[in-house]
């Protein structure tokens, strides 16, 4: 069985590559602050992780969570701005693996087996959250992790 290779080679367990655009879009979020968040999905036809949606710098965390599908899996990165106890403005990048409990088994398996490989392509992630329900990724969860 032949696997199509994405950036940095393929993943033998899932065969999912990573679209070049996925990495470059993440880097724009990280370095240039062009986006507040990026939502990625697995394109099964292309056998790679692609950008599904981006949110501009002025979009909120609520805009981000509303963009995630209720019953399907996604990967996402969110650039979280906050103020520390010492009154310093900081920013941390969260990687969120969204796998709602109501999603079908096949997408859950596909996203689970492809996650580590995709996550390794995104250099500079500060925290990772695995969420199966919206309460597992509420804004308070990010605030607790970031501080």
Protein backbone atom coordinates (compact mmCIF):
# COMPACT_ATOMS: atom_id res chain seq x y z
CA UNK A 1 0.00 0.00 0.00
CA UNK A 2 1.50 3.36 -1.00
CA UNK A 3 1.14 6.42 1.18
CA UNK A 4 1.34 9.93 -0.12
CA UNK A 5 3.93 11.87 1.79
CA UNK A 6 3.26 15.33 3.16
CA UNK A 7 5.78 17.63 4.77
CA UNK A 8 8.44 15.59 6.55
CA UNK A 9 7.26 12.15 5.40
CA UNK A 10 4.15 10.07 5.97
CA UNK A 11 2.71 8.38 9.00
CA UNK A 12 2.59 4.65 8.44
CA UNK A 13 -0.26 4.13 10.89
CA UNK A 14 -2.68 6.54 9.22
CA UNK A 15 -1.05 7.63 5.98
CA UNK A 16 -1.98 11.26 6.65
CA UNK A 17 0.45 13.83 5.37
CA UNK A 18 0.43 17.50 6.27
CA UNK A 19 -0.37 20.09 3.63
CA UNK A 20 2.37 22.70 3.24
CA UNK A 21 -0.34 25.36 3.64
CA UNK A 22 -1.23 23.97 7.09
CA UNK A 23 2.31 24.55 8.36
CA UNK A 24 2.69 27.98 6.73
CA UNK A 25 -0.71 29.14 8.06
CA UNK A 26 0.31 28.06 11.56
CA UNK A 27 3.59 29.97 11.20
CA UNK A 28 1.67 33.10 10.18
CA UNK A 29 -0.43 32.79 13.35
CA UNK A 30 2.66 32.20 15.46
CA UNK A 31 5.10 34.76 14.05
CA UNK A 32 3.01 37.46 12.42
CA UNK A 33 -0.17 37.26 14.54
CA UNK A 34 -2.20 37.29 11.29
CA UNK A 35 -4.79 34.92 12.82
CA UNK A 36 -6.32 34.37 16.26
CA UNK A 37 -7.01 30.72 15.43
CA UNK A 38 -6.72 28.10 12.71
CA UNK A 39 -8.98 25.06 12.37
CA UNK A 40 -7.61 22.05 10.50
CA UNK A 41 -9.39 19.01 9.12
CA UNK A 42 -8.32 15.76 7.58
CA UNK A 43 -9.01 15.62 3.86
CA UNK A 44 -9.40 11.88 3.31
CA UNK A 45 -9.26 12.16 -0.49
CA UNK A 46 -5.91 13.98 -0.39
CA UNK A 47 -4.79 11.99 2.67
CA UNK A 48 -3.52 15.10 4.41
CA UNK A 49 -4.36 17.65 7.08
CA UNK A 50 -5.58 20.91 5.50
CA UNK A 51 -6.69 24.33 6.73
CA UNK A 52 -10.47 24.51 7.06
CA UNK A 53 -10.91 27.98 8.59
CA UNK A 54 -8.93 30.87 10.00
CA UNK A 55 -10.07 33.54 12.42
CA UNK A 56 -8.77 37.10 12.28
CA UNK A 57 -6.85 38.73 15.16
CA UNK A 58 -9.99 40.49 16.42
CA UNK A 59 -12.04 37.29 16.75
CA UNK A 60 -12.84 35.99 20.23
CA UNK A 61 -12.55 32.60 21.89
CA UNK A 62 -16.35 32.28 21.52
CA UNK A 63 -16.00 32.83 17.75
CA UNK A 64 -13.39 30.08 17.72
CA UNK A 65 -15.43 27.51 19.67
CA UNK A 66 -18.53 28.29 17.58
CA UNK A 67 -16.49 27.40 14.47
CA UNK A 68 -15.84 23.84 15.62
CA UNK A 69 -18.37 21.26 14.39
CA UNK A 70 -20.63 19.80 17.09
CA UNK A 71 -20.40 16.22 15.83
CA UNK A 72 -17.11 15.88 13.95
CA UNK A 73 -13.41 15.94 14.88
CA UNK A 74 -10.92 18.73 14.14
CA UNK A 75 -7.49 19.96 15.11
CA UNK A 76 -7.11 23.62 16.02
CA UNK A 77 -4.60 26.12 17.26
CA UNK A 78 -5.60 29.17 19.27
CA UNK A 79 -3.36 32.12 20.12
CA UNK A 80 -4.36 32.95 23.69
CA UNK A 81 -3.53 36.46 24.95
CA UNK A 82 -3.60 37.07 28.69
CA UNK A 83 -2.19 39.25 31.46
CA UNK A 84 -0.07 37.61 34.17
CA UNK A 85 -0.32 38.24 37.92
CA UNK A 86 2.70 40.55 37.44
CA UNK A 87 0.62 42.54 34.92
CA UNK A 88 2.61 41.37 31.88
CA UNK A 89 0.90 40.87 28.54
CA UNK A 90 1.62 37.34 27.27
CA UNK A 91 0.55 35.02 24.49
CA UNK A 92 0.50 31.20 24.46
CA UNK A 93 -0.42 28.93 21.58
CA UNK A 94 -2.78 26.07 22.38
CA UNK A 95 -3.17 22.98 20.22
CA UNK A 96 -6.68 21.56 20.62
CA UNK A 97 -7.62 18.08 19.47
CA UNK A 98 -11.42 18.29 19.23
CA UNK A 99 -13.04 14.85 19.24
CA UNK A 100 -16.62 15.20 20.48
CA UNK A 101 -18.12 12.15 22.14
CA UNK A 102 -20.99 12.22 19.59
CA UNK A 103 -18.63 11.93 16.59
CA UNK A 104 -18.57 8.71 14.58
CA UNK A 105 -15.92 6.12 15.44
CA UNK A 106 -14.04 6.32 12.11
CA UNK A 107 -13.20 10.05 12.33
CA UNK A 108 -12.25 9.64 16.01
CA UNK A 109 -9.81 6.87 15.10
CA UNK A 110 -8.42 8.78 12.11
CA UNK A 111 -7.82 11.95 14.12
CA UNK A 112 -6.36 10.02 17.07
CA UNK A 113 -3.84 8.13 14.92
CA UNK A 114 -2.79 11.23 12.96
CA UNK A 115 -2.57 13.70 15.86
CA UNK A 116 1.02 13.22 17.07
CA UNK A 117 2.48 13.38 13.59
CA UNK A 118 0.54 16.57 12.76
CA UNK A 119 1.35 18.16 16.11
CA UNK A 120 5.10 17.57 15.54
CA UNK A 121 4.93 19.64 12.33
CA UNK A 122 3.74 22.67 14.30
CA UNK A 123 6.83 23.95 16.11
CA UNK A 124 6.12 26.33 18.99
CA UNK A 125 2.96 24.94 20.59
CA UNK A 126 2.90 25.74 24.31
CA UNK A 127 -0.01 23.60 25.52
CA UNK A 128 -2.18 20.79 24.22
CA UNK A 129 -5.80 20.09 25.11
CA UNK A 130 -7.70 16.94 24.20
CA UNK A 131 -11.42 17.81 24.30
CA UNK A 132 -14.40 15.50 23.87
CA UNK A 133 -16.89 18.01 25.24
CA UNK A 134 -17.00 21.86 25.18
CA UNK A 135 -16.47 22.08 28.96
CA UNK A 136 -13.00 20.51 28.56
CA UNK A 137 -11.83 23.52 26.56
CA UNK A 138 -13.64 26.43 28.20
CA UNK A 139 -11.73 29.71 28.41
CA UNK A 140 -11.09 29.10 32.13
CA UNK A 141 -9.22 25.88 31.23
CA UNK A 142 -6.89 27.87 28.96
CA UNK A 143 -6.40 30.54 31.64
CA UNK A 144 -5.49 27.91 34.25
CA UNK A 145 -3.01 26.19 31.92
CA UNK A 146 -1.39 29.45 30.78
CA UNK A 147 -0.75 30.85 34.27
